Amino acid sequence: MVTVKNLTASPYDLETTAGFARLPAFGEVTRPTKEEPGEFTGDYLQILEASMAVQVMDAPSNPDPLDHDENGKKGGSKPSEDSDELTKLRADYLEVIGKRPYHGWDADELQAKIDAKLAE
């Protein structure tokens, strides 16, 4: 759902997929609604956002392809989803070997290295 707010004293006709919608002076138009189902297209929303006469609110944004953690800024990374088993094996490896394990090892590899050290 997108709301367009008029910042001027002049009304506007806004183009929707179901025809035109009247944007009153200093008023707001929200689309789609149950009563008025027409939507604004993405290109048209970009034109409206560039305009100084209206303010587009709740517009679906095009995410930056470099926004990896979805916080609206370029860069970043999502936290790893370590399982409880992997976390425990990393702690066991540190205890048995005496140093931290390589972060790229999976649970099977960690267990094999721990077993090999214990077998010595």
PDB file of N, CA and C in Angstrom:
ATOM      1  N   MET A   1       0.847  -1.163   0.000  1.00  0.00           N
ATOM      2  CA  MET A   1       0.000   0.000   0.000  1.00  0.00           C
ATOM      3  C   MET A   1       0.901   1.238   0.000  1.00  0.00           C
ATOM      4  N   VAL A   2       0.610   2.172  -0.891  1.00  0.00           N
ATOM      5  CA  VAL A   2       1.417   3.377  -1.055  1.00  0.00           C
ATOM      6  C   VAL A   2       0.535   4.593  -0.813  1.00  0.00           C
ATOM      7  N   THR A   3       1.058   5.555  -0.058  1.00  0.00           N
ATOM      8  CA  THR A   3       0.366   6.811   0.191  1.00  0.00           C
ATOM      9  C   THR A   3       1.151   7.940  -0.451  1.00  0.00           C
ATOM     10  N   VAL A   4       0.442   8.788  -1.207  1.00  0.00           N
ATOM     11  CA  VAL A   4       1.051   9.962  -1.826  1.00  0.00           C
ATOM     12  C   VAL A   4       0.413  11.190  -1.182  1.00  0.00           C
ATOM     13  N   LYS A   5       1.267  12.075  -0.653  1.00  0.00           N
ATOM     14  CA  LYS A   5       0.791  13.280   0.031  1.00  0.00           C
ATOM     15  C   LYS A   5       1.119  14.499  -0.824  1.00  0.00           C
ATOM     16  N   ASN A   6       0.126  15.343  -1.038  1.00  0.00           N
ATOM     17  CA  ASN A   6       0.303  16.569  -1.815  1.00  0.00           C
ATOM     18  C   ASN A   6       0.879  17.657  -0.915  1.00  0.00           C
ATOM     19  N   LEU A   7       1.986  18.245  -1.324  1.00  0.00           N
ATOM     20  CA  LEU A   7       2.638  19.301  -0.541  1.00  0.00           C
ATOM     21  C   LEU A   7       2.318  20.693  -1.066  1.00  0.00           C
ATOM     22  N   THR A   8       1.420  20.775  -2.044  1.00  0.00           N
ATOM     23  CA  THR A   8       1.086  22.063  -2.664  1.00  0.00           C
ATOM     24  C   THR A   8      -0.384  22.378  -2.491  1.00  0.00           C
ATOM     25  N   ALA A   9      -0.760  23.587  -2.922  1.00  0.00           N
ATOM     26  CA  ALA A   9      -2.154  24.031  -2.845  1.00  0.00           C
ATOM     27  C   ALA A   9      -2.901  23.715  -4.134  1.00  0.00           C
ATOM     28  N   SER A  10      -2.341  22.882  -4.982  1.00  0.00           N
ATOM     29  CA  SER A  10      -2.989  22.512  -6.240  1.00  0.00           C
ATOM     30  C   SER A  10      -3.320  21.028  -6.245  1.00  0.00           C
ATOM     31  N   PRO A  11      -4.515  20.674  -6.726  1.00  0.00           N
ATOM     32  CA  PRO A  11      -4.835  19.248  -6.824  1.00  0.00           C
ATOM     33  C   PRO A  11      -4.125  18.618  -8.024  1.00  0.00           C
ATOM     34  N   TYR A  12      -3.939  17.311  -7.964  1.00  0.00           N
ATOM     35  CA  TYR A  12      -3.288  16.567  -9.039  1.00  0.00           C
ATOM     36  C   TYR A  12      -4.122  15.344  -9.386  1.00  0.00           C
ATOM     37  N   ASP A  13      -4.036  14.942 -10.647  1.00  0.00           N
ATOM     38  CA  ASP A  13      -4.585  13.658 -11.065  1.00  0.00           C
ATOM     39  C   ASP A  13      -3.417  12.689 -11.151  1.00  0.00           C
ATOM     40  N   LEU A  14      -3.471  11.624 -10.353  1.00  0.00           N
ATOM     41  CA  LEU A  14      -2.405  10.630 -10.331  1.00  0.00           C
ATOM     42  C   LEU A  14      -2.831   9.408 -11.127  1.00  0.00           C
ATOM     43  N   GLU A  15      -1.909   8.860 -11.906  1.00  0.00           N
ATOM     44  CA  GLU A  15      -2.195   7.706 -12.742  1.00  0.00           C
ATOM     45  C   GLU A  15      -2.047   6.413 -11.930  1.00  0.00           C
ATOM     46  N   THR A  16      -3.073   5.584 -11.974  1.00  0.00           N
ATOM     47  CA  THR A  16      -3.028   4.265 -11.337  1.00  0.00           C
ATOM     48  C   THR A  16      -3.320   3.213 -12.403  1.00  0.00           C
ATOM     49  N   THR A  17      -3.191   1.962 -12.040  1.00  0.00           N
ATOM     50  CA  THR A  17      -3.472   0.888 -12.985  1.00  0.00           C
ATOM     51  C   THR A  17      -4.959   0.774 -13.294  1.00  0.00           C
ATOM     52  N   ALA A  18      -5.812   1.397 -12.486  1.00  0.00           N
ATOM     53  CA  ALA A  18      -7.253   1.355 -12.703  1.00  0.00           C
ATOM     54  C   ALA A  18      -7.809   2.697 -13.169  1.00  0.00           C
ATOM     55  N   GLY A  19      -6.957   3.581 -13.649  1.00  0.00           N
ATOM     56  CA  GLY A  19      -7.414   4.897 -14.091  1.00  0.00           C
ATOM     57  C   GLY A  19      -6.706   5.993 -13.312  1.00  0.00           C
ATOM     58  N   PHE A  20      -7.397   7.127 -13.154  1.00  0.00           N
ATOM     59  CA  PHE A  20      -6.799   8.256 -12.454  1.00  0.00           C
ATOM     60  C   PHE A  20      -7.394   8.411 -11.062  1.00  0.00           C
ATOM     61  N   ALA A  21      -6.579   8.923 -10.143  1.00  0.00           N
ATOM     62  CA  ALA A  21      -7.026   9.207  -8.777  1.00  0.00           C
ATOM     63  C   ALA A  21      -6.755  10.680  -8.510  1.00  0.00           C
ATOM     64  N   ARG A  22      -7.732  11.366  -7.945  1.00  0.00           N
ATOM     65  CA  ARG A  22      -7.583  12.794  -7.657  1.00  0.00           C
ATOM     66  C   ARG A  22      -6.864  12.962  -6.330  1.00  0.00           C
ATOM     67  N   LEU A  23      -5.745  13.701  -6.347  1.00  0.00           N
ATOM     68  CA  LEU A  23      -4.988  14.036  -5.141  1.00  0.00           C
ATOM     69  C   LEU A  23      -5.336  15.464  -4.766  1.00  0.00           C
ATOM     70  N   PRO A  24      -6.136  15.667  -3.711  1.00  0.00           N
ATOM     71  CA  PRO A  24      -6.553  17.026  -3.361  1.00  0.00           C
ATOM     72  C   PRO A  24      -5.385  17.869  -2.836  1.00  0.00           C
ATOM     73  N   ALA A  25      -5.562  19.182  -2.866  1.00  0.00           N
ATOM     74  CA  ALA A  25      -4.550  20.104  -2.363  1.00  0.00           C
ATOM     75  C   ALA A  25      -4.275  19.789  -0.897  1.00  0.00           C
ATOM     76  N   PHE A  26      -3.006  19.609  -0.566  1.00  0.00           N
ATOM     77  CA  PHE A  26      -2.538  19.274   0.784  1.00  0.00           C
ATOM     78  C   PHE A  26      -3.175  17.973   1.311  1.00  0.00           C
ATOM     79  N   GLY A  27      -3.702  17.152   0.439  1.00  0.00           N
ATOM     80  CA  GLY A  27      -4.358  15.908   0.840  1.00  0.00           C
ATOM     81  C   GLY A  27      -3.484  14.694   0.578  1.00  0.00           C
ATOM     82  N   GLU A  28      -4.059  13.523   0.804  1.00  0.00           N
ATOM     83  CA  GLU A  28      -3.358  12.254   0.612  1.00  0.00           C
ATOM     84  C   GLU A  28      -4.221  11.281  -0.168  1.00  0.00           C
ATOM     85  N   VAL A  29      -3.559  10.400  -0.907  1.00  0.00           N
ATOM     86  CA  VAL A  29      -4.227   9.312  -1.617  1.00  0.00           C
ATOM     87  C   VAL A  29      -3.466   8.035  -1.291  1.00  0.00           C
ATOM     88  N   THR A  30      -4.206   7.000  -0.898  1.00  0.00           N
ATOM     89  CA  THR A  30      -3.601   5.703  -0.600  1.00  0.00           C
ATOM     90  C   THR A  30      -4.159   4.680  -1.575  1.00  0.00           C
ATOM     91  N   ARG A  31      -3.267   3.925  -2.190  1.00  0.00           N
ATOM     92  CA  ARG A  31      -3.669   2.877  -3.130  1.00  0.00           C
ATOM     93  C   ARG A  31      -2.831   1.653  -2.891  1.00  0.00           C
ATOM     94  N   PRO A  32      -3.270   0.460  -3.118  1.00  0.00           N
ATOM     95  CA  PRO A  32      -4.665   0.107  -3.366  1.00  0.00           C
ATOM     96  C   PRO A  32      -5.439  -0.009  -2.063  1.00  0.00           C
ATOM     97  N   THR A  33      -6.730   0.208  -2.150  1.00  0.00           N
ATOM     98  CA  THR A  33      -7.638  -0.016  -1.026  1.00  0.00           C
ATOM     99  C   THR A  33      -8.761  -0.919  -1.520  1.00  0.00           C
ATOM    100  N   LYS A  34      -9.596  -1.400  -0.616  1.00  0.00           N
ATOM    101  CA  LYS A  34     -10.705  -2.271  -1.026  1.00  0.00           C
ATOM    102  C   LYS A  34     -11.676  -1.521  -1.930  1.00  0.00           C
ATOM    103  N   GLU A  35     -11.916  -0.249  -1.621  1.00  0.00           N
ATOM    104  CA  GLU A  35     -12.866   0.539  -2.398  1.00  0.00           C
ATOM    105  C   GLU A  35     -12.271   0.977  -3.733  1.00  0.00           C
ATOM    106  N   GLU A  36     -10.974   1.251  -3.758  1.00  0.00           N
ATOM    107  CA  GLU A  36     -10.298   1.747  -4.961  1.00  0.00           C
ATOM    108  C   GLU A  36      -9.043   0.918  -5.182  1.00  0.00           C
ATOM    109  N   PRO A  37      -9.128  -0.133  -6.004  1.00  0.00           N
ATOM    110  CA  PRO A  37      -8.042  -1.109  -6.112  1.00  0.00           C
ATOM    111  C   PRO A  37      -6.852  -0.709  -6.981  1.00  0.00           C
ATOM    112  N   GLY A  38      -6.890   0.378  -7.709  1.00  0.00           N
ATOM    113  CA  GLY A  38      -5.789   0.730  -8.611  1.00  0.00           C
ATOM    114  C   GLY A  38      -4.477   0.945  -7.884  1.00  0.00           C
ATOM    115  N   GLU A  39      -3.382   0.506  -8.486  1.00  0.00           N
ATOM    116  CA  GLU A  39      -2.048   0.650  -7.894  1.00  0.00           C
ATOM    117  C   GLU A  39      -1.216   1.626  -8.714  1.00  0.00           C
ATOM    118  N   PHE A  40      -0.194   2.185  -8.086  1.00  0.00           N
ATOM    119  CA  PHE A  40       0.785   2.987  -8.795  1.00  0.00           C
ATOM    120  C   PHE A  40       1.873   2.051  -9.310  1.00  0.00           C
ATOM    121  N   THR A  41       2.340   2.276 -10.527  1.00  0.00           N
ATOM    122  CA  THR A  41       3.423   1.447 -11.062  1.00  0.00           C
ATOM    123  C   THR A  41       4.752   1.910 -10.486  1.00  0.00           C
ATOM    124  N   GLY A  42       5.771   1.034 -10.538  1.00  0.00           N
ATOM    125  CA  GLY A  42       7.087   1.356  -9.979  1.00  0.00           C
ATOM    126  C   GLY A  42       7.740   2.552 -10.644  1.00  0.00           C
ATOM    127  N   ASP A  43       7.660   2.634 -11.987  1.00  0.00           N
ATOM    128  CA  ASP A  43       8.263   3.770 -12.699  1.00  0.00           C
ATOM    129  C   ASP A  43       7.560   5.067 -12.331  1.00  0.00           C
ATOM    130  N   TYR A  44       6.239   5.019 -12.223  1.00  0.00           N
ATOM    131  CA  TYR A  44       5.482   6.214 -11.887  1.00  0.00           C
ATOM    132  C   TYR A  44       5.804   6.679 -10.464  1.00  0.00           C
ATOM    133  N   LEU A  45       5.997   5.725  -9.548  1.00  0.00           N
ATOM    134  CA  LEU A  45       6.374   6.084  -8.181  1.00  0.00           C
ATOM    135  C   LEU A  45       7.733   6.765  -8.141  1.00  0.00           C
ATOM    136  N   GLN A  46       8.667   6.309  -8.976  1.00  0.00           N
ATOM    137  CA  GLN A  46       9.983   6.949  -9.018  1.00  0.00           C
ATOM    138  C   GLN A  46       9.874   8.384  -9.517  1.00  0.00           C
ATOM    139  N   ILE A  47       9.012   8.620 -10.488  1.00  0.00           N
ATOM    140  CA  ILE A  47       8.799   9.983 -10.987  1.00  0.00           C
ATOM    141  C   ILE A  47       8.181  10.842  -9.887  1.00  0.00           C
ATOM    142  N   LEU A  48       7.199  10.288  -9.181  1.00  0.00           N
ATOM    143  CA  LEU A  48       6.570  11.043  -8.095  1.00  0.00           C
ATOM    144  C   LEU A  48       7.559  11.355  -6.980  1.00  0.00           C
ATOM    145  N   GLU A  49       8.430  10.363  -6.640  1.00  0.00           N
ATOM    146  CA  GLU A  49       9.419  10.597  -5.582  1.00  0.00           C
ATOM    147  C   GLU A  49      10.397  11.701  -5.962  1.00  0.00           C
ATOM    148  N   ALA A  50      10.693  11.833  -7.251  1.00  0.00           N
ATOM    149  CA  ALA A  50      11.617  12.874  -7.709  1.00  0.00           C
ATOM    150  C   ALA A  50      10.970  14.252  -7.687  1.00  0.00           C
ATOM    151  N   SER A  51       9.658  14.287  -7.660  1.00  0.00           N
ATOM    152  CA  SER A  51       8.923  15.547  -7.658  1.00  0.00           C
ATOM    153  C   SER A  51       9.014  16.216  -6.295  1.00  0.00           C
ATOM    154  N   MET A  52       9.087  17.521  -6.291  1.00  0.00           N
ATOM    155  CA  MET A  52       9.094  18.257  -5.034  1.00  0.00           C
ATOM    156  C   MET A  52       7.680  18.615  -4.598  1.00  0.00           C
ATOM    157  N   ALA A  53       6.681  18.272  -5.430  1.00  0.00           N
ATOM    158  CA  ALA A  53       5.305  18.644  -5.146  1.00  0.00           C
ATOM    159  C   ALA A  53       4.581  17.615  -4.284  1.00  0.00           C
ATOM    160  N   VAL A  54       5.066  16.386  -4.284  1.00  0.00           N
ATOM    161  CA  VAL A  54       4.400  15.342  -3.504  1.00  0.00           C
ATOM    162  C   VAL A  54       5.423  14.570  -2.686  1.00  0.00           C
ATOM    163  N   GLN A  55       4.933  13.868  -1.673  1.00  0.00           N
ATOM    164  CA  GLN A  55       5.764  12.994  -0.854  1.00  0.00           C
ATOM    165  C   GLN A  55       5.177  11.590  -0.953  1.00  0.00           C
ATOM    166  N   VAL A  56       6.022  10.615  -1.314  1.00  0.00           N
ATOM    167  CA  VAL A  56       5.592   9.234  -1.429  1.00  0.00           C
ATOM    168  C   VAL A  56       5.975   8.514  -0.142  1.00  0.00           C
ATOM    169  N   MET A  57       4.980   7.903   0.515  1.00  0.00           N
ATOM    170  CA  MET A  57       5.225   7.212   1.771  1.00  0.00           C
ATOM    171  C   MET A  57       4.870   5.735   1.610  1.00  0.00           C
ATOM    172  N   ASP A  58       5.617   4.884   2.298  1.00  0.00           N
ATOM    173  CA  ASP A  58       5.404   3.436   2.262  1.00  0.00           C
ATOM    174  C   ASP A  58       5.582   2.855   0.872  1.00  0.00           C
ATOM    175  N   ALA A  59       6.433   3.490   0.078  1.00  0.00           N
ATOM    176  CA  ALA A  59       6.683   2.971  -1.264  1.00  0.00           C
ATOM    177  C   ALA A  59       7.589   1.758  -1.178  1.00  0.00           C
ATOM    178  N   PRO A  60       7.312   0.721  -1.946  1.00  0.00           N
ATOM    179  CA  PRO A  60       8.225  -0.417  -1.962  1.00  0.00           C
ATOM    180  C   PRO A  60       9.549   0.016  -2.569  1.00  0.00           C
ATOM    181  N   SER A  61      10.622  -0.208  -1.859  1.00  0.00           N
ATOM    182  CA  SER A  61      11.915   0.259  -2.339  1.00  0.00           C
ATOM    183  C   SER A  61      12.635  -0.847  -3.091  1.00  0.00           C
ATOM    184  N   ASN A  62      13.514  -0.424  -3.970  1.00  0.00           N
ATOM    185  CA  ASN A  62      14.361  -1.376  -4.665  1.00  0.00           C
ATOM    186  C   ASN A  62      15.607  -1.548  -3.817  1.00  0.00           C
ATOM    187  N   PRO A  63      15.822  -2.711  -3.213  1.00  0.00           N
ATOM    188  CA  PRO A  63      16.973  -2.884  -2.335  1.00  0.00           C
ATOM    189  C   PRO A  63      18.277  -2.805  -3.113  1.00  0.00           C
ATOM    190  N   ASP A  64      19.270  -2.226  -2.479  1.00  0.00           N
ATOM    191  CA  ASP A  64      20.596  -2.147  -3.081  1.00  0.00           C
ATOM    192  C   ASP A  64      21.167  -3.554  -3.176  1.00  0.00           C
ATOM    193  N   PRO A  65      21.732  -3.927  -4.324  1.00  0.00           N
ATOM    194  CA  PRO A  65      22.271  -5.283  -4.440  1.00  0.00           C
ATOM    195  C   PRO A  65      23.462  -5.527  -3.527  1.00  0.00           C
ATOM    196  N   LEU A  66      24.081  -4.475  -2.993  1.00  0.00           N
ATOM    197  CA  LEU A  66      25.211  -4.628  -2.087  1.00  0.00           C
ATOM    198  C   LEU A  66      24.800  -4.587  -0.617  1.00  0.00           C
ATOM    199  N   ASP A  67      23.493  -4.523  -0.352  1.00  0.00           N
ATOM    200  CA  ASP A  67      22.994  -4.541   1.025  1.00  0.00           C
ATOM    201  C   ASP A  67      22.804  -5.991   1.440  1.00  0.00           C
ATOM    202  N   HIS A  68      23.818  -6.560   2.074  1.00  0.00           N
ATOM    203  CA  HIS A  68      23.803  -7.973   2.402  1.00  0.00           C
ATOM    204  C   HIS A  68      23.027  -8.301   3.671  1.00  0.00           C
ATOM    205  N   ASP A  69      22.951  -7.368   4.612  1.00  0.00           N
ATOM    206  CA  ASP A  69      22.259  -7.652   5.868  1.00  0.00           C
ATOM    207  C   ASP A  69      20.884  -6.997   5.946  1.00  0.00           C
ATOM    208  N   GLU A  70      20.420  -6.437   4.837  1.00  0.00           N
ATOM    209  CA  GLU A  70      19.080  -5.858   4.702  1.00  0.00           C
ATOM    210  C   GLU A  70      18.784  -4.779   5.737  1.00  0.00           C
ATOM    211  N   ASN A  71      19.773  -3.898   5.985  1.00  0.00           N
ATOM    212  CA  ASN A  71      19.546  -2.789   6.900  1.00  0.00           C
ATOM    213  C   ASN A  71      19.400  -1.462   6.167  1.00  0.00           C
ATOM    214  N   GLY A  72      19.355  -1.507   4.827  1.00  0.00           N
ATOM    215  CA  GLY A  72      19.194  -0.303   4.039  1.00  0.00           C
ATOM    216  C   GLY A  72      20.499   0.359   3.638  1.00  0.00           C
ATOM    217  N   LYS A  73      21.631  -0.157   4.083  1.00  0.00           N
ATOM    218  CA  LYS A  73      22.940   0.402   3.751  1.00  0.00           C
ATOM    219  C   LYS A  73      23.757  -0.636   3.000  1.00  0.00           C
ATOM    220  N   LYS A  74      24.669  -0.162   2.171  1.00  0.00           N
ATOM    221  CA  LYS A  74      25.537  -1.087   1.445  1.00  0.00           C
ATOM    222  C   LYS A  74      26.454  -1.820   2.416  1.00  0.00           C
ATOM    223  N   GLY A  75      26.781  -3.057   2.057  1.00  0.00           N
ATOM    224  CA  GLY A  75      27.729  -3.834   2.842  1.00  0.00           C
ATOM    225  C   GLY A  75      27.062  -4.593   3.967  1.00  0.00           C
ATOM    226  N   GLY A  76      27.852  -4.954   4.942  1.00  0.00           N
ATOM    227  CA  GLY A  76      27.351  -5.712   6.086  1.00  0.00           C
ATOM    228  C   GLY A  76      27.247  -7.188   5.760  1.00  0.00           C
ATOM    229  N   SER A  77      26.907  -7.957   6.744  1.00  0.00           N
ATOM    230  CA  SER A  77      26.718  -9.391   6.548  1.00  0.00           C
ATOM    231  C   SER A  77      25.706  -9.897   7.564  1.00  0.00           C
ATOM    232  N   LYS A  78      25.038 -10.971   7.201  1.00  0.00           N
ATOM    233  CA  LYS A  78      24.074 -11.579   8.105  1.00  0.00           C
ATOM    234  C   LYS A  78      24.821 -12.420   9.127  1.00  0.00           C
ATOM    235  N   PRO A  79      24.322 -12.490  10.359  1.00  0.00           N
ATOM    236  CA  PRO A  79      24.980 -13.340  11.353  1.00  0.00           C
ATOM    237  C   PRO A  79      24.885 -14.797  10.937  1.00  0.00           C
ATOM    238  N   SER A  80      25.916 -15.540  11.274  1.00  0.00           N
ATOM    239  CA  SER A  80      25.917 -16.953  10.910  1.00  0.00           C
ATOM    240  C   SER A  80      24.874 -17.700  11.723  1.00  0.00           C
ATOM    241  N   GLU A  81      24.384 -18.770  11.148  1.00  0.00           N
ATOM    242  CA  GLU A  81      23.362 -19.575  11.813  1.00  0.00           C
ATOM    243  C   GLU A  81      24.012 -20.870  12.300  1.00  0.00           C
ATOM    244  N   ASP A  82      24.875 -20.763  13.293  1.00  0.00           N
ATOM    245  CA  ASP A  82      25.555 -21.935  13.834  1.00  0.00           C
ATOM    246  C   ASP A  82      24.571 -22.785  14.624  1.00  0.00           C
ATOM    247  N   SER A  83      24.687 -24.066  14.441  1.00  0.00           N
ATOM    248  CA  SER A  83      23.857 -24.974  15.221  1.00  0.00           C
ATOM    249  C   SER A  83      24.469 -25.135  16.604  1.00  0.00           C
ATOM    250  N   ASP A  84      23.688 -25.637  17.528  1.00  0.00           N
ATOM    251  CA  ASP A  84      24.191 -25.883  18.877  1.00  0.00           C
ATOM    252  C   ASP A  84      25.295 -26.936  18.850  1.00  0.00           C
ATOM    253  N   GLU A  85      25.157 -27.921  17.959  1.00  0.00           N
ATOM    254  CA  GLU A  85      26.169 -28.966  17.846  1.00  0.00           C
ATOM    255  C   GLU A  85      27.510 -28.381  17.396  1.00  0.00           C
ATOM    256  N   LEU A  86      27.455 -27.504  16.404  1.00  0.00           N
ATOM    257  CA  LEU A  86      28.684 -26.898  15.897  1.00  0.00           C
ATOM    258  C   LEU A  86      29.340 -26.009  16.954  1.00  0.00           C
ATOM    259  N   THR A  87      28.545 -25.278  17.692  1.00  0.00           N
ATOM    260  CA  THR A  87      29.070 -24.434  18.766  1.00  0.00           C
ATOM    261  C   THR A  87      29.748 -25.282  19.835  1.00  0.00           C
ATOM    262  N   LYS A  88      29.115 -26.408  20.214  1.00  0.00           N
ATOM    263  CA  LYS A  88      29.705 -27.293  21.214  1.00  0.00           C
ATOM    264  C   LYS A  88      31.001 -27.914  20.697  1.00  0.00           C
ATOM    265  N   LEU A  89      31.011 -28.344  19.428  1.00  0.00           N
ATOM    266  CA  LEU A  89      32.223 -28.938  18.865  1.00  0.00           C
ATOM    267  C   LEU A  89      33.367 -27.929  18.805  1.00  0.00           C
ATOM    268  N   ARG A  90      33.063 -26.688  18.522  1.00  0.00           N
ATOM    269  CA  ARG A  90      34.117 -25.665  18.505  1.00  0.00           C
ATOM    270  C   ARG A  90      34.700 -25.472  19.904  1.00  0.00           C
ATOM    271  N   ALA A  91      33.838 -25.495  20.911  1.00  0.00           N
ATOM    272  CA  ALA A  91      34.325 -25.378  22.291  1.00  0.00           C
ATOM    273  C   ALA A  91      35.155 -26.600  22.666  1.00  0.00           C
ATOM    274  N   ASP A  92      34.723 -27.802  22.257  1.00  0.00           N
ATOM    275  CA  ASP A  92      35.489 -29.027  22.525  1.00  0.00           C
ATOM    276  C   ASP A  92      36.842 -28.993  21.827  1.00  0.00           C
ATOM    277  N   TYR A  93      36.876 -28.506  20.605  1.00  0.00           N
ATOM    278  CA  TYR A  93      38.127 -28.407  19.849  1.00  0.00           C
ATOM    279  C   TYR A  93      39.107 -27.486  20.576  1.00  0.00           C
ATOM    280  N   LEU A  94      38.613 -26.360  21.048  1.00  0.00           N
ATOM    281  CA  LEU A  94      39.456 -25.415  21.778  1.00  0.00           C
ATOM    282  C   LEU A  94      40.015 -26.062  23.038  1.00  0.00           C
ATOM    283  N   GLU A  95      39.185 -26.830  23.730  1.00  0.00           N
ATOM    284  CA  GLU A  95      39.622 -27.490  24.957  1.00  0.00           C
ATOM    285  C   GLU A  95      40.644 -28.598  24.673  1.00  0.00           C
ATOM    286  N   VAL A  96      40.412 -29.407  23.656  1.00  0.00           N
ATOM    287  CA  VAL A  96      41.270 -30.548  23.360  1.00  0.00           C
ATOM    288  C   VAL A  96      42.562 -30.126  22.657  1.00  0.00           C
ATOM    289  N   ILE A  97      42.435 -29.285  21.651  1.00  0.00           N
ATOM    290  CA  ILE A  97      43.592 -28.906  20.830  1.00  0.00           C
ATOM    291  C   ILE A  97      44.361 -27.739  21.455  1.00  0.00           C
ATOM    292  N   GLY A  98      43.642 -26.847  22.098  1.00  0.00           N
ATOM    293  CA  GLY A  98      44.295 -25.709  22.722  1.00  0.00           C
ATOM    294  C   GLY A  98      44.303 -24.458  21.863  1.00  0.00           C
ATOM    295  N   LYS A  99      43.648 -24.492  20.728  1.00  0.00           N
ATOM    296  CA  LYS A  99      43.524 -23.293  19.899  1.00  0.00           C
ATOM    297  C   LYS A  99      42.159 -23.305  19.221  1.00  0.00           C
ATOM    298  N   ARG A 100      41.772 -22.150  18.741  1.00  0.00           N
ATOM    299  CA  ARG A 100      40.455 -22.019  18.124  1.00  0.00           C
ATOM    300  C   ARG A 100      40.426 -22.729  16.779  1.00  0.00           C
ATOM    301  N   PRO A 101      39.285 -23.341  16.432  1.00  0.00           N
ATOM    302  CA  PRO A 101      39.186 -24.044  15.157  1.00  0.00           C
ATOM    303  C   PRO A 101      38.985 -23.075  13.989  1.00  0.00           C
ATOM    304  N   TYR A 102      39.292 -23.560  12.809  1.00  0.00           N
ATOM    305  CA  TYR A 102      39.042 -22.788  11.595  1.00  0.00           C
ATOM    306  C   TYR A 102      37.530 -22.644  11.423  1.00  0.00           C
ATOM    307  N   HIS A 103      37.070 -21.436  11.140  1.00  0.00           N
ATOM    308  CA  HIS A 103      35.630 -21.165  11.090  1.00  0.00           C
ATOM    309  C   HIS A 103      34.920 -21.852   9.925  1.00  0.00           C
ATOM    310  N   GLY A 104      35.657 -22.303   8.924  1.00  0.00           N
ATOM    311  CA  GLY A 104      35.045 -22.939   7.777  1.00  0.00           C
ATOM    312  C   GLY A 104      34.804 -24.428   7.933  1.00  0.00           C
ATOM    313  N   TRP A 105      35.271 -25.031   9.006  1.00  0.00           N
ATOM    314  CA  TRP A 105      35.089 -26.461   9.217  1.00  0.00           C
ATOM    315  C   TRP A 105      33.657 -26.747   9.632  1.00  0.00           C
ATOM    316  N   ASP A 106      33.105 -27.818   9.082  1.00  0.00           N
ATOM    317  CA  ASP A 106      31.770 -28.224   9.483  1.00  0.00           C
ATOM    318  C   ASP A 106      31.865 -29.172  10.677  1.00  0.00           C
ATOM    319  N   ALA A 107      30.718 -29.632  11.150  1.00  0.00           N
ATOM    320  CA  ALA A 107      30.675 -30.465  12.355  1.00  0.00           C
ATOM    321  C   ALA A 107      31.425 -31.779  12.163  1.00  0.00           C
ATOM    322  N   ASP A 108      31.295 -32.401  11.000  1.00  0.00           N
ATOM    323  CA  ASP A 108      31.975 -33.684  10.756  1.00  0.00           C
ATOM    324  C   ASP A 108      33.493 -33.524  10.794  1.00  0.00           C
ATOM    325  N   GLU A 109      33.983 -32.467  10.187  1.00  0.00           N
ATOM    326  CA  GLU A 109      35.433 -32.244  10.152  1.00  0.00           C
ATOM    327  C   GLU A 109      35.981 -31.935  11.541  1.00  0.00           C
ATOM    328  N   LEU A 110      35.254 -31.122  12.294  1.00  0.00           N
ATOM    329  CA  LEU A 110      35.674 -30.821  13.659  1.00  0.00           C
ATOM    330  C   LEU A 110      35.716 -32.090  14.510  1.00  0.00           C
ATOM    331  N   GLN A 111      34.679 -32.913  14.392  1.00  0.00           N
ATOM    332  CA  GLN A 111      34.635 -34.152  15.172  1.00  0.00           C
ATOM    333  C   GLN A 111      35.791 -35.069  14.794  1.00  0.00           C
ATOM    334  N   ALA A 112      36.122 -35.145  13.514  1.00  0.00           N
ATOM    335  CA  ALA A 112      37.232 -35.988  13.063  1.00  0.00           C
ATOM    336  C   ALA A 112      38.554 -35.495  13.645  1.00  0.00           C
ATOM    337  N   LYS A 113      38.769 -34.195  13.681  1.00  0.00           N
ATOM    338  CA  LYS A 113      40.009 -33.638  14.215  1.00  0.00           C
ATOM    339  C   LYS A 113      40.115 -33.852  15.729  1.00  0.00           C
ATOM    340  N   ILE A 114      38.973 -33.718  16.424  1.00  0.00           N
ATOM    341  CA  ILE A 114      38.958 -33.961  17.875  1.00  0.00           C
ATOM    342  C   ILE A 114      39.258 -35.440  18.147  1.00  0.00           C
ATOM    343  N   ASP A 115      38.617 -36.326  17.385  1.00  0.00           N
ATOM    344  CA  ASP A 115      38.844 -37.777  17.576  1.00  0.00           C
ATOM    345  C   ASP A 115      40.276 -38.143  17.293  1.00  0.00           C
ATOM    346  N   ALA A 116      40.881 -37.556  16.271  1.00  0.00           N
ATOM    347  CA  ALA A 116      42.267 -37.849  15.922  1.00  0.00           C
ATOM    348  C   ALA A 116      43.206 -37.410  17.039  1.00  0.00           C
ATOM    349  N   LYS A 117      42.946 -36.258  17.619  1.00  0.00           N
ATOM    350  CA  LYS A 117      43.798 -35.755  18.714  1.00  0.00           C
ATOM    351  C   LYS A 117      43.646 -36.634  19.961  1.00  0.00           C
ATOM    352  N   LEU A 118      42.421 -37.052  20.246  1.00  0.00           N
ATOM    353  CA  LEU A 118      42.179 -37.895  21.420  1.00  0.00           C
ATOM    354  C   LEU A 118      42.780 -39.291  21.245  1.00  0.00           C
ATOM    355  N   ALA A 119      42.914 -39.744  20.005  1.00  0.00           N
ATOM    356  CA  ALA A 119      43.459 -41.073  19.735  1.00  0.00           C
ATOM    357  C   ALA A 119      44.987 -41.113  19.875  1.00  0.00           C
ATOM    358  N   GLU A 120      45.633 -39.970  19.903  1.00  0.00           N
ATOM    359  CA  GLU A 120      47.093 -39.919  20.013  1.00  0.00           C
ATOM    360  C   GLU A 120      47.575 -40.429  21.350  1.00  0.00           C
TER     361      GLU A 120
END
